[in-house]
Amino acid sequence: MRVVVLGARKTGKTAILQQLACFNDITTQPYISTIDDTYQIQTQLDPNDLPKEVIIFHDTAGIQDFGNTEIRRPYLQVADAFILVYSVVEHETFNKMDILKRHIEKHFAKEKKDIPIVIIGTMTDLSGRQVSSEFANTYANKERVKLFEVSATNRSSLVDIIHYLSGRYFHPIKESKFSLSKRLRPEKSNASSQQVLTDI
């Protein structure tokens, strides 16, 4: 399963994936823009089941404040699902998330294909919230998408995202267990490669 992660700049896309796949909290580190990066997480319904299901996350460059918001065609071609990220402390990032959603729906409507879309509100640990939970939930219900509100500092708030994606794609009826994760390759910033194995 391939999941493309999209959103405005500085919304915490990379921080979420670093926390999930590598147990790294990078929220206090200087901001480094992502060009393109890939993470892999393995899940399985039962520890004795083989093979394990693999979810590959494509971390993408943030949408710029001005200019083109079109989604690159290769992402549209490989995606089995999309995660759209916004910051609860900056309403404009929510607007950009909605624009991205419209692009995705327009593309897949032409192919008559239903593709899962998950929206994630980040930075719930910060003060000065501009996007309320009530507003976001109303939007999610209206648009028929799954909503999670999370903090990249709290890994436990992120694991349900993996459960949902795995269950939706691999086990539509059963509940999946998040069991193994690892980083596929470093960021374009030439950061050292990391690998983490974990049982949850």
N, C-alpha and C. Protein backbone atom coordinates (compact mmCIF):
# COMPACT_ATOMS: atom_id res chain seq x y z
N MET A 1 0.85 -1.20 0.00
CA MET A 1 0.00 0.00 0.00
C MET A 1 0.88 1.24 0.00
N ARG A 2 0.57 2.17 -0.89
CA ARG A 2 1.33 3.42 -0.96
C ARG A 2 0.43 4.59 -0.56
N VAL A 3 0.91 5.36 0.40
CA VAL A 3 0.16 6.50 0.92
C VAL A 3 0.95 7.77 0.67
N VAL A 4 0.36 8.71 -0.02
CA VAL A 4 1.02 9.99 -0.31
C VAL A 4 0.56 11.02 0.71
N VAL A 5 1.55 11.69 1.34
CA VAL A 5 1.28 12.66 2.40
C VAL A 5 1.47 14.06 1.84
N LEU A 6 0.42 14.86 1.89
CA LEU A 6 0.42 16.20 1.29
C LEU A 6 -0.05 17.24 2.29
N GLY A 7 0.34 18.48 2.05
CA GLY A 7 -0.12 19.57 2.90
C GLY A 7 0.75 20.80 2.72
N ALA A 8 0.37 21.87 3.38
CA ALA A 8 1.13 23.11 3.32
C ALA A 8 2.48 22.94 4.03
N ARG A 9 3.37 23.87 3.79
CA ARG A 9 4.67 23.87 4.46
C ARG A 9 4.50 24.05 5.97
N LYS A 10 5.38 23.44 6.72
CA LYS A 10 5.47 23.61 8.17
C LYS A 10 4.19 23.16 8.90
N THR A 11 3.57 22.13 8.39
CA THR A 11 2.39 21.57 9.08
C THR A 11 2.72 20.30 9.85
N GLY A 12 3.96 19.83 9.74
CA GLY A 12 4.37 18.67 10.54
C GLY A 12 4.26 17.34 9.83
N LYS A 13 4.26 17.33 8.51
CA LYS A 13 4.17 16.07 7.77
C LYS A 13 5.35 15.16 8.10
N THR A 14 6.55 15.71 7.99
CA THR A 14 7.75 14.92 8.26
C THR A 14 7.83 14.54 9.74
N ALA A 15 7.43 15.44 10.61
CA ALA A 15 7.47 15.15 12.06
C ALA A 15 6.59 13.96 12.41
N ILE A 16 5.43 13.86 11.78
CA ILE A 16 4.55 12.72 12.02
C ILE A 16 5.22 11.42 11.59
N LEU A 17 5.79 11.41 10.39
CA LEU A 17 6.39 10.20 9.86
C LEU A 17 7.66 9.82 10.61
N GLN A 18 8.44 10.80 11.01
CA GLN A 18 9.63 10.53 11.82
C GLN A 18 9.25 9.88 13.14
N GLN A 19 8.19 10.37 13.75
CA GLN A 19 7.75 9.82 15.03
C GLN A 19 7.23 8.40 14.85
N LEU A 20 6.43 8.17 13.82
CA LEU A 20 5.85 6.85 13.58
C LEU A 20 6.90 5.82 13.19
N ALA A 21 7.75 6.16 12.23
CA ALA A 21 8.66 5.17 11.66
C ALA A 21 9.99 5.06 12.40
N CYS A 22 10.41 6.14 13.04
CA CYS A 22 11.75 6.17 13.62
C CYS A 22 11.80 6.51 15.11
N PHE A 23 10.65 6.75 15.73
CA PHE A 23 10.60 7.15 17.14
C PHE A 23 11.37 8.44 17.38
N ASN A 24 11.44 9.31 16.39
CA ASN A 24 12.16 10.57 16.51
C ASN A 24 11.19 11.73 16.69
N ASP A 25 11.39 12.52 17.74
CA ASP A 25 10.62 13.75 17.93
C ASP A 25 11.47 14.90 17.40
N ILE A 26 11.13 15.41 16.23
CA ILE A 26 11.92 16.47 15.61
C ILE A 26 11.23 17.83 15.72
N THR A 27 10.21 17.91 16.56
CA THR A 27 9.41 19.14 16.63
C THR A 27 10.19 20.33 17.17
N THR A 28 11.26 20.08 17.92
CA THR A 28 12.04 21.19 18.47
C THR A 28 13.27 21.49 17.62
N GLN A 29 13.47 20.76 16.55
CA GLN A 29 14.62 20.97 15.69
C GLN A 29 14.33 22.05 14.65
N PRO A 30 15.39 22.69 14.12
CA PRO A 30 15.18 23.71 13.08
C PRO A 30 14.46 23.12 11.88
N TYR A 31 13.60 23.92 11.27
CA TYR A 31 12.81 23.45 10.13
C TYR A 31 13.70 23.24 8.92
N ILE A 32 13.57 22.07 8.30
CA ILE A 32 14.25 21.76 7.04
C ILE A 32 13.17 21.30 6.06
N SER A 33 13.05 22.00 4.95
CA SER A 33 12.00 21.65 4.00
C SER A 33 12.31 20.30 3.35
N THR A 34 11.28 19.51 3.16
CA THR A 34 11.41 18.20 2.53
C THR A 34 11.28 18.35 1.02
N ILE A 35 12.13 17.64 0.29
CA ILE A 35 11.99 17.57 -1.16
C ILE A 35 11.14 16.34 -1.51
N ASP A 36 11.58 15.20 -1.07
CA ASP A 36 10.84 13.96 -1.27
C ASP A 36 11.49 12.91 -0.38
N ASP A 37 10.69 12.11 0.27
CA ASP A 37 11.23 11.11 1.17
C ASP A 37 10.25 9.95 1.26
N THR A 38 10.74 8.80 1.68
CA THR A 38 9.90 7.61 1.74
C THR A 38 10.13 6.86 3.04
N TYR A 39 9.07 6.43 3.66
CA TYR A 39 9.11 5.66 4.89
C TYR A 39 8.30 4.38 4.70
N GLN A 40 8.71 3.34 5.40
CA GLN A 40 7.99 2.07 5.33
C GLN A 40 7.56 1.61 6.71
N ILE A 41 6.33 1.17 6.83
CA ILE A 41 5.82 0.61 8.07
C ILE A 41 5.13 -0.70 7.75
N GLN A 42 5.43 -1.74 8.53
CA GLN A 42 4.81 -3.04 8.34
C GLN A 42 3.77 -3.28 9.42
N THR A 43 2.67 -3.84 9.03
CA THR A 43 1.61 -4.17 9.97
C THR A 43 1.19 -5.62 9.76
N GLN A 44 0.55 -6.19 10.78
CA GLN A 44 0.02 -7.53 10.61
C GLN A 44 -1.15 -7.73 11.57
N LEU A 45 -2.12 -8.49 11.13
CA LEU A 45 -3.29 -8.76 11.95
C LEU A 45 -2.93 -9.66 13.12
N ASP A 46 -2.06 -10.62 12.86
CA ASP A 46 -1.64 -11.59 13.88
C ASP A 46 -0.13 -11.74 13.79
N PRO A 47 0.60 -11.78 14.93
CA PRO A 47 2.06 -11.90 14.88
C PRO A 47 2.54 -13.14 14.14
N ASN A 48 1.69 -14.15 14.01
CA ASN A 48 2.08 -15.38 13.33
C ASN A 48 1.76 -15.36 11.84
N ASP A 49 1.07 -14.32 11.41
CA ASP A 49 0.70 -14.22 10.00
C ASP A 49 1.88 -13.74 9.16
N LEU A 50 2.12 -14.41 8.06
CA LEU A 50 3.12 -13.99 7.09
C LEU A 50 2.49 -14.06 5.70
N PRO A 51 2.83 -13.16 4.78
CA PRO A 51 3.74 -12.04 5.01
C PRO A 51 3.06 -10.89 5.73
N LYS A 52 3.87 -10.01 6.30
CA LYS A 52 3.34 -8.80 6.92
C LYS A 52 2.92 -7.82 5.82
N GLU A 53 1.90 -7.03 6.12
CA GLU A 53 1.48 -6.01 5.16
C GLU A 53 2.39 -4.79 5.27
N VAL A 54 2.69 -4.19 4.14
CA VAL A 54 3.62 -3.06 4.09
C VAL A 54 2.88 -1.80 3.64
N ILE A 55 3.06 -0.74 4.41
CA ILE A 55 2.56 0.58 4.01
C ILE A 55 3.76 1.47 3.73
N ILE A 56 3.82 2.02 2.54
CA ILE A 56 4.90 2.93 2.15
C ILE A 56 4.33 4.35 2.11
N PHE A 57 4.95 5.23 2.89
CA PHE A 57 4.52 6.62 2.96
C PHE A 57 5.45 7.49 2.12
N HIS A 58 4.89 8.28 1.24
CA HIS A 58 5.66 9.23 0.43
C HIS A 58 5.50 10.62 1.06
N ASP A 59 6.57 11.10 1.68
CA ASP A 59 6.59 12.43 2.27
C ASP A 59 6.94 13.42 1.17
N THR A 60 6.16 14.46 1.03
CA THR A 60 6.30 15.37 -0.10
C THR A 60 6.65 16.79 0.34
N ALA A 61 7.13 17.56 -0.61
CA ALA A 61 7.42 18.97 -0.34
C ALA A 61 6.13 19.71 -0.01
N GLY A 62 6.19 20.61 0.94
CA GLY A 62 5.01 21.35 1.33
C GLY A 62 4.51 22.28 0.24
N ILE A 63 3.19 22.45 0.18
CA ILE A 63 2.60 23.39 -0.77
C ILE A 63 3.03 24.81 -0.41
N GLN A 64 3.48 25.55 -1.39
CA GLN A 64 3.96 26.90 -1.15
C GLN A 64 2.82 27.84 -0.78
N ASP A 65 3.17 28.94 -0.12
CA ASP A 65 2.17 29.92 0.29
C ASP A 65 1.46 30.55 -0.91
N PHE A 66 2.21 30.69 -2.01
CA PHE A 66 1.64 31.28 -3.22
C PHE A 66 2.02 30.40 -4.41
N GLY A 67 1.20 30.45 -5.44
CA GLY A 67 1.54 29.74 -6.66
C GLY A 67 0.76 28.44 -6.83
N ASN A 68 1.35 27.55 -7.61
CA ASN A 68 0.68 26.33 -8.05
C ASN A 68 0.45 25.35 -6.89
N THR A 69 -0.76 24.83 -6.81
CA THR A 69 -1.08 23.81 -5.80
C THR A 69 -1.41 22.47 -6.44
N GLU A 70 -1.09 22.32 -7.72
CA GLU A 70 -1.36 21.06 -8.40
C GLU A 70 -0.50 19.95 -7.79
N ILE A 71 -1.05 18.74 -7.77
CA ILE A 71 -0.34 17.58 -7.25
C ILE A 71 0.42 16.92 -8.39
N ARG A 72 1.67 16.57 -8.14
CA ARG A 72 2.48 15.95 -9.18
C ARG A 72 1.85 14.64 -9.64
N ARG A 73 1.83 14.44 -10.95
CA ARG A 73 1.17 13.26 -11.52
C ARG A 73 1.71 11.94 -10.99
N PRO A 74 3.04 11.77 -10.78
CA PRO A 74 3.52 10.48 -10.25
C PRO A 74 2.87 10.11 -8.92
N TYR A 75 2.60 11.10 -8.06
CA TYR A 75 1.94 10.81 -6.79
C TYR A 75 0.52 10.30 -7.03
N LEU A 76 -0.17 10.91 -7.97
CA LEU A 76 -1.53 10.49 -8.28
C LEU A 76 -1.55 9.08 -8.86
N GLN A 77 -0.51 8.74 -9.58
CA GLN A 77 -0.47 7.44 -10.25
C GLN A 77 -0.18 6.30 -9.28
N VAL A 78 0.63 6.55 -8.25
CA VAL A 78 1.04 5.45 -7.36
C VAL A 78 0.18 5.34 -6.10
N ALA A 79 -0.59 6.36 -5.78
CA ALA A 79 -1.27 6.41 -4.47
C ALA A 79 -2.41 5.40 -4.37
N ASP A 80 -2.41 4.68 -3.24
CA ASP A 80 -3.56 3.87 -2.85
C ASP A 80 -4.42 4.61 -1.83
N ALA A 81 -3.84 5.65 -1.23
CA ALA A 81 -4.55 6.50 -0.27
C ALA A 81 -3.77 7.80 -0.12
N PHE A 82 -4.44 8.81 0.40
CA PHE A 82 -3.80 10.10 0.65
C PHE A 82 -4.00 10.50 2.11
N ILE A 83 -2.96 11.11 2.68
CA ILE A 83 -3.07 11.80 3.96
C ILE A 83 -2.87 13.29 3.67
N LEU A 84 -3.85 14.09 4.06
CA LEU A 84 -3.78 15.54 3.88
C LEU A 84 -3.63 16.19 5.25
N VAL A 85 -2.59 16.99 5.41
CA VAL A 85 -2.20 17.51 6.71
C VAL A 85 -2.43 19.02 6.78
N TYR A 86 -2.96 19.47 7.91
CA TYR A 86 -3.08 20.90 8.19
C TYR A 86 -2.70 21.13 9.64
N SER A 87 -2.40 22.37 9.99
CA SER A 87 -2.08 22.73 11.36
C SER A 87 -3.30 23.37 12.01
N VAL A 88 -3.66 22.89 13.19
CA VAL A 88 -4.84 23.44 13.88
C VAL A 88 -4.61 24.87 14.35
N VAL A 89 -3.36 25.33 14.33
CA VAL A 89 -3.07 26.70 14.77
C VAL A 89 -2.93 27.67 13.59
N GLU A 90 -3.21 27.21 12.37
CA GLU A 90 -3.14 28.10 11.21
C GLU A 90 -4.24 27.71 10.22
N HIS A 91 -5.29 28.51 10.18
CA HIS A 91 -6.47 28.16 9.38
C HIS A 91 -6.17 28.09 7.89
N GLU A 92 -5.24 28.89 7.42
CA GLU A 92 -4.93 28.89 5.99
C GLU A 92 -4.44 27.52 5.53
N THR A 93 -3.77 26.78 6.41
CA THR A 93 -3.32 25.44 6.03
C THR A 93 -4.50 24.49 5.85
N PHE A 94 -5.59 24.75 6.56
CA PHE A 94 -6.81 23.97 6.36
C PHE A 94 -7.39 24.25 4.98
N ASN A 95 -7.37 25.52 4.58
CA ASN A 95 -7.87 25.88 3.25
C ASN A 95 -7.05 25.21 2.15
N LYS A 96 -5.73 25.15 2.34
CA LYS A 96 -4.87 24.49 1.35
C LYS A 96 -5.17 22.99 1.32
N MET A 97 -5.41 22.40 2.48
CA MET A 97 -5.78 20.99 2.53
C MET A 97 -7.03 20.73 1.71
N ASP A 98 -8.01 21.61 1.83
CA ASP A 98 -9.26 21.45 1.08
C ASP A 98 -9.02 21.56 -0.42
N ILE A 99 -8.15 22.46 -0.83
CA ILE A 99 -7.81 22.59 -2.26
C ILE A 99 -7.19 21.30 -2.77
N LEU A 100 -6.27 20.73 -2.00
CA LEU A 100 -5.64 19.47 -2.39
C LEU A 100 -6.67 18.36 -2.52
N LYS A 101 -7.61 18.34 -1.59
CA LYS A 101 -8.65 17.32 -1.64
C LYS A 101 -9.46 17.44 -2.93
N ARG A 102 -9.78 18.66 -3.32
CA ARG A 102 -10.55 18.87 -4.56
C ARG A 102 -9.77 18.38 -5.78
N HIS A 103 -8.46 18.62 -5.79
CA HIS A 103 -7.63 18.14 -6.90
C HIS A 103 -7.68 16.62 -6.98
N ILE A 104 -7.55 15.96 -5.83
CA ILE A 104 -7.56 14.49 -5.80
C ILE A 104 -8.89 13.95 -6.29
N GLU A 105 -9.96 14.50 -5.79
CA GLU A 105 -11.29 14.03 -6.18
C GLU A 105 -11.55 14.24 -7.67
N LYS A 106 -11.09 15.37 -8.19
CA LYS A 106 -11.28 15.65 -9.62
C LYS A 106 -10.53 14.63 -10.46
N HIS A 107 -9.30 14.31 -10.05
CA HIS A 107 -8.49 13.36 -10.81
C HIS A 107 -9.11 11.97 -10.81
N PHE A 108 -9.49 11.49 -9.63
CA PHE A 108 -9.99 10.12 -9.54
C PHE A 108 -11.43 9.98 -9.98
N ALA A 109 -12.16 11.08 -10.05
CA ALA A 109 -13.51 11.03 -10.61
C ALA A 109 -13.46 10.67 -12.08
N LYS A 110 -12.43 11.15 -12.77
CA LYS A 110 -12.26 10.82 -14.18
C LYS A 110 -12.02 9.33 -14.36
N GLU A 111 -11.33 8.71 -13.39
CA GLU A 111 -11.04 7.29 -13.47
C GLU A 111 -12.13 6.44 -12.82
N LYS A 112 -13.13 7.12 -12.28
CA LYS A 112 -14.23 6.44 -11.58
C LYS A 112 -13.68 5.50 -10.50
N LYS A 113 -12.74 6.04 -9.73
CA LYS A 113 -12.08 5.26 -8.68
C LYS A 113 -12.25 5.94 -7.33
N ASP A 114 -12.64 5.17 -6.33
CA ASP A 114 -12.79 5.69 -4.97
C ASP A 114 -11.49 5.46 -4.22
N ILE A 115 -10.87 6.51 -3.73
CA ILE A 115 -9.59 6.38 -3.04
C ILE A 115 -9.70 6.97 -1.64
N PRO A 116 -9.19 6.26 -0.62
CA PRO A 116 -9.30 6.76 0.75
C PRO A 116 -8.52 8.06 0.95
N ILE A 117 -9.13 9.00 1.65
CA ILE A 117 -8.48 10.25 2.02
C ILE A 117 -8.61 10.41 3.53
N VAL A 118 -7.47 10.61 4.19
CA VAL A 118 -7.43 10.85 5.63
C VAL A 118 -6.92 12.27 5.83
N ILE A 119 -7.59 13.05 6.67
CA ILE A 119 -7.09 14.38 6.99
C ILE A 119 -6.60 14.39 8.44
N ILE A 120 -5.47 15.06 8.64
CA ILE A 120 -4.83 15.09 9.95
C ILE A 120 -4.60 16.53 10.38
N GLY A 121 -5.15 16.89 11.52
CA GLY A 121 -4.88 18.18 12.13
C GLY A 121 -3.74 18.02 13.13
N THR A 122 -2.65 18.72 12.90
CA THR A 122 -1.45 18.58 13.73
C THR A 122 -1.32 19.73 14.73
N MET A 123 -0.33 19.58 15.60
CA MET A 123 0.05 20.63 16.55
C MET A 123 -1.03 20.89 17.59
N THR A 124 -1.73 19.85 17.99
CA THR A 124 -2.77 20.00 19.01
C THR A 124 -2.19 20.33 20.38
N ASP A 125 -0.88 20.18 20.54
CA ASP A 125 -0.22 20.51 21.80
C ASP A 125 0.06 22.00 21.94
N LEU A 126 -0.13 22.77 20.86
CA LEU A 126 0.19 24.20 20.88
C LEU A 126 -1.04 25.03 21.23
N SER A 127 -0.80 26.21 21.78
CA SER A 127 -1.89 27.14 22.07
C SER A 127 -2.20 27.96 20.82
N GLY A 128 -3.32 28.68 20.86
CA GLY A 128 -3.68 29.53 19.73
C GLY A 128 -4.37 28.79 18.61
N ARG A 129 -5.18 27.80 18.94
CA ARG A 129 -5.88 27.02 17.92
C ARG A 129 -6.79 27.92 17.08
N GLN A 130 -6.72 27.75 15.76
CA GLN A 130 -7.58 28.49 14.83
C GLN A 130 -8.61 27.60 14.14
N VAL A 131 -8.37 26.29 14.14
CA VAL A 131 -9.31 25.34 13.54
C VAL A 131 -9.86 24.48 14.66
N SER A 132 -11.10 24.70 15.03
CA SER A 132 -11.68 23.97 16.16
C SER A 132 -11.98 22.53 15.79
N SER A 133 -12.04 21.67 16.80
CA SER A 133 -12.39 20.27 16.57
C SER A 133 -13.79 20.16 15.97
N GLU A 134 -14.70 21.00 16.45
CA GLU A 134 -16.07 20.97 15.95
C GLU A 134 -16.12 21.31 14.46
N PHE A 135 -15.38 22.34 14.07
CA PHE A 135 -15.34 22.74 12.66
C PHE A 135 -14.75 21.63 11.81
N ALA A 136 -13.64 21.04 12.26
CA ALA A 136 -12.97 19.99 11.49
C ALA A 136 -13.84 18.74 11.38
N ASN A 137 -14.51 18.38 12.47
CA ASN A 137 -15.37 17.20 12.43
C ASN A 137 -16.57 17.40 11.52
N THR A 138 -17.13 18.60 11.54
CA THR A 138 -18.25 18.91 10.64
C THR A 138 -17.81 18.78 9.19
N TYR A 139 -16.63 19.29 8.89
CA TYR A 139 -16.07 19.19 7.53
C TYR A 139 -15.86 17.73 7.14
N ALA A 140 -15.24 16.96 8.05
CA ALA A 140 -14.94 15.56 7.75
C ALA A 140 -16.21 14.76 7.50
N ASN A 141 -17.23 15.00 8.29
CA ASN A 141 -18.50 14.29 8.10
C ASN A 141 -19.16 14.67 6.78
N LYS A 142 -19.12 15.94 6.47
CA LYS A 142 -19.71 16.42 5.22
C LYS A 142 -18.98 15.86 4.01
N GLU A 143 -17.64 15.84 4.09
CA GLU A 143 -16.83 15.40 2.95
C GLU A 143 -16.58 13.89 2.95
N ARG A 144 -17.03 13.22 3.99
CA ARG A 144 -16.89 11.76 4.10
C ARG A 144 -15.43 11.32 4.05
N VAL A 145 -14.63 11.96 4.89
CA VAL A 145 -13.23 11.59 5.05
C VAL A 145 -12.97 11.31 6.52
N LYS A 146 -11.91 10.57 6.79
CA LYS A 146 -11.53 10.25 8.17
C LYS A 146 -10.65 11.37 8.72
N LEU A 147 -10.95 11.81 9.94
CA LEU A 147 -10.20 12.89 10.58
C LEU A 147 -9.47 12.38 11.82
N PHE A 148 -8.21 12.78 11.95
CA PHE A 148 -7.44 12.56 13.18
C PHE A 148 -6.85 13.90 13.59
N GLU A 149 -6.89 14.20 14.89
CA GLU A 149 -6.19 15.36 15.43
C GLU A 149 -5.07 14.83 16.31
N VAL A 150 -3.85 15.28 16.04
CA VAL A 150 -2.68 14.65 16.65
C VAL A 150 -1.64 15.68 17.05
N SER A 151 -0.68 15.20 17.82
CA SER A 151 0.55 15.94 18.10
C SER A 151 1.72 15.05 17.75
N ALA A 152 2.66 15.56 16.98
CA ALA A 152 3.83 14.78 16.61
C ALA A 152 4.74 14.50 17.80
N THR A 153 4.49 15.18 18.92
CA THR A 153 5.27 14.90 20.13
C THR A 153 4.74 13.67 20.87
N ASN A 154 3.55 13.22 20.52
CA ASN A 154 2.88 12.12 21.21
C ASN A 154 2.64 10.97 20.23
N ARG A 155 3.50 9.98 20.27
CA ARG A 155 3.41 8.89 19.30
C ARG A 155 2.11 8.11 19.42
N SER A 156 1.59 7.98 20.63
CA SER A 156 0.37 7.20 20.83
C SER A 156 -0.82 7.81 20.09
N SER A 157 -0.77 9.13 19.85
CA SER A 157 -1.87 9.78 19.12
C SER A 157 -1.81 9.50 17.63
N LEU A 158 -0.70 8.91 17.17
CA LEU A 158 -0.50 8.68 15.75
C LEU A 158 -0.78 7.25 15.31
N VAL A 159 -0.69 6.31 16.25
CA VAL A 159 -0.78 4.90 15.90
C VAL A 159 -2.13 4.53 15.30
N ASP A 160 -3.20 5.20 15.74
CA ASP A 160 -4.53 4.90 15.20
C ASP A 160 -4.61 5.17 13.69
N ILE A 161 -3.77 6.06 13.20
CA ILE A 161 -3.75 6.32 11.76
C ILE A 161 -3.32 5.07 11.01
N ILE A 162 -2.28 4.40 11.53
CA ILE A 162 -1.80 3.16 10.92
C ILE A 162 -2.86 2.09 11.00
N HIS A 163 -3.49 1.96 12.17
CA HIS A 163 -4.56 0.97 12.33
C HIS A 163 -5.66 1.20 11.29
N TYR A 164 -6.04 2.45 11.12
CA TYR A 164 -7.13 2.76 10.20
C TYR A 164 -6.76 2.42 8.76
N LEU A 165 -5.58 2.88 8.31
CA LEU A 165 -5.16 2.64 6.94
C LEU A 165 -5.00 1.16 6.66
N SER A 166 -4.36 0.46 7.59
CA SER A 166 -4.15 -0.97 7.41
C SER A 166 -5.47 -1.72 7.38
N GLY A 167 -6.36 -1.37 8.30
CA GLY A 167 -7.65 -2.03 8.34
C GLY A 167 -8.47 -1.76 7.11
N ARG A 168 -8.41 -0.52 6.61
CA ARG A 168 -9.19 -0.14 5.42
C ARG A 168 -8.68 -0.85 4.17
N TYR A 169 -7.36 -0.99 4.07
CA TYR A 169 -6.78 -1.52 2.83
C TYR A 169 -6.61 -3.04 2.86
N PHE A 170 -6.05 -3.55 3.97
CA PHE A 170 -5.73 -4.97 4.03
C PHE A 170 -6.83 -5.82 4.67
N HIS A 171 -7.51 -5.25 5.66
CA HIS A 171 -8.52 -6.00 6.41
C HIS A 171 -9.76 -5.13 6.59
N PRO A 172 -10.59 -5.02 5.58
CA PRO A 172 -11.75 -4.13 5.65
C PRO A 172 -12.68 -4.41 6.82
N ILE A 173 -12.68 -5.65 7.34
CA ILE A 173 -13.57 -6.00 8.44
C ILE A 173 -12.80 -6.17 9.74
N LYS A 174 -11.65 -6.81 9.67
CA LYS A 174 -10.87 -7.10 10.87
C LYS A 174 -10.09 -5.87 11.31
N GLU A 175 -9.60 -5.91 12.54
CA GLU A 175 -8.78 -4.82 13.08
C GLU A 175 -7.32 -5.21 12.95
N SER A 176 -6.49 -4.32 12.44
CA SER A 176 -5.09 -4.61 12.21
C SER A 176 -4.25 -4.22 13.41
N LYS A 177 -3.08 -4.87 13.54
CA LYS A 177 -2.13 -4.55 14.60
C LYS A 177 -0.88 -3.95 14.00
N PHE A 178 -0.45 -2.82 14.54
CA PHE A 178 0.74 -2.11 14.10
C PHE A 178 1.93 -2.78 14.78
N SER A 179 2.85 -3.39 13.98
CA SER A 179 3.86 -4.22 14.62
C SER A 179 5.30 -3.88 14.28
N LEU A 180 5.57 -3.32 13.10
CA LEU A 180 6.95 -3.14 12.70
C LEU A 180 7.08 -1.90 11.84
N SER A 181 8.15 -1.15 12.04
CA SER A 181 8.34 0.03 11.20
C SER A 181 9.81 0.24 10.93
N LYS A 182 10.09 0.89 9.79
CA LYS A 182 11.47 1.25 9.49
C LYS A 182 11.51 2.36 8.46
N ARG A 183 12.61 3.05 8.42
CA ARG A 183 12.84 4.13 7.47
C ARG A 183 13.46 3.54 6.23
N LEU A 184 12.98 3.90 5.05
CA LEU A 184 13.53 3.36 3.83
C LEU A 184 14.79 4.08 3.39
N ARG A 185 14.76 5.38 3.40
CA ARG A 185 15.93 6.13 2.96
C ARG A 185 15.94 7.50 3.58
N PRO A 186 17.13 8.15 3.64
CA PRO A 186 17.23 9.44 4.33
C PRO A 186 16.60 10.56 3.53
N GLU A 187 16.43 11.71 4.20
CA GLU A 187 15.92 12.89 3.55
C GLU A 187 16.95 13.42 2.57
N LYS A 188 16.48 14.31 1.69
CA LYS A 188 17.38 14.91 0.72
C LYS A 188 18.42 15.80 1.39
N SER A 189 18.27 16.05 2.68
CA SER A 189 19.24 16.88 3.39
C SER A 189 20.50 16.10 3.73
N ASN A 190 20.61 14.83 3.20
CA ASN A 190 21.75 13.95 3.44
C ASN A 190 21.84 13.50 4.88
N ALA A 191 20.70 13.46 5.57
CA ALA A 191 20.69 12.94 6.93
C ALA A 191 21.04 11.47 6.91
N SER A 192 21.63 10.96 7.99
CA SER A 192 22.04 9.56 8.05
C SER A 192 20.82 8.66 8.05
N SER A 193 20.96 7.49 7.41
CA SER A 193 19.86 6.54 7.33
C SER A 193 19.60 5.93 8.68
N GLN A 194 18.31 5.69 9.00
CA GLN A 194 17.94 5.12 10.29
C GLN A 194 16.98 3.98 10.08
N GLN A 195 17.01 3.01 10.98
CA GLN A 195 16.07 1.91 10.93
C GLN A 195 15.65 1.56 12.35
N VAL A 196 14.36 1.40 12.55
CA VAL A 196 13.83 1.07 13.86
C VAL A 196 12.87 -0.09 13.73
N LEU A 197 13.03 -1.11 14.58
CA LEU A 197 12.11 -2.23 14.63
C LEU A 197 11.37 -2.17 15.94
N THR A 198 10.05 -2.30 15.89
CA THR A 198 9.28 -2.19 17.12
C THR A 198 8.07 -3.08 17.09
N ASP A 199 7.68 -3.58 18.26
CA ASP A 199 6.44 -4.34 18.42
C ASP A 199 5.51 -3.54 19.30
N ILE A 200 4.29 -3.35 18.84
CA ILE A 200 3.30 -2.60 19.60
C ILE A 200 2.10 -3.48 19.83
